[in-house]
Protein backbone atom coordinates (compact mmCIF):
# COMPACT_ATOMS: atom_id res chain seq x y z
CA MET A 1 -9.19 -33.12 -75.67
CA ARG A 2 -12.13 -35.10 -74.25
CA LEU A 3 -14.42 -33.71 -77.33
CA LEU A 4 -12.22 -35.09 -79.41
CA MET A 5 -12.12 -38.88 -77.82
CA MET A 6 -15.85 -38.79 -77.49
CA LEU A 7 -15.80 -38.13 -81.19
CA ILE A 8 -13.54 -40.65 -82.27
CA LEU A 9 -15.59 -43.01 -80.02
CA ALA A 10 -18.84 -42.30 -81.35
CA LEU A 11 -17.28 -42.38 -85.14
CA MET A 12 -16.09 -45.93 -84.08
CA ILE A 13 -19.58 -47.16 -82.68
CA THR A 14 -21.48 -46.25 -85.97
CA SER A 15 -19.03 -47.62 -88.07
CA VAL A 16 -19.42 -50.84 -86.13
CA VAL A 17 -23.32 -50.46 -86.27
CA GLY A 18 -22.96 -49.62 -90.20
CA ILE A 19 -20.93 -52.78 -90.76
CA LEU A 20 -23.54 -55.15 -88.77
CA GLY A 21 -26.22 -53.43 -90.64
CA VAL A 22 -25.07 -54.08 -94.00
CA GLN A 23 -24.00 -57.94 -92.54
CA MET A 24 -27.56 -58.15 -91.56
CA PHE A 25 -29.27 -56.86 -95.05
CA GLY A 26 -26.86 -58.73 -96.80
CA GLY A 27 -27.64 -62.01 -95.03
CA SER A 28 -31.45 -61.69 -95.47
CA LYS A 29 -30.80 -60.76 -99.22
CA SER A 30 -28.70 -64.16 -99.42
CA ASP A 31 -31.57 -66.59 -98.27
CA LYS A 32 -33.57 -66.24 -101.22
CA PRO A 33 -32.53 -66.68 -104.86
CA PRO A 34 -32.38 -63.45 -107.07
CA PRO A 35 -35.85 -63.25 -109.37
CA VAL A 36 -35.27 -64.52 -112.97
CA ILE A 37 -36.06 -61.80 -115.16
CA GLN A 38 -38.11 -63.62 -117.79
CA GLN A 39 -37.21 -62.23 -121.34
CA PRO A 40 -39.48 -62.96 -124.31
CA GLU A 41 -37.90 -65.08 -126.88
CA PRO A 42 -36.48 -63.02 -130.12
CA LYS A 43 -38.52 -64.13 -133.61
């Protein structure tokens, strides 16, 4: 029973850390505009 509780707690912690990591990476990407890909004009 104690093992199950510790497993659930570990899963909760990893999910919170994963969400925070995704938000941090997403925030750092949104600071800069996406690079514009220059395409040659069709002739």
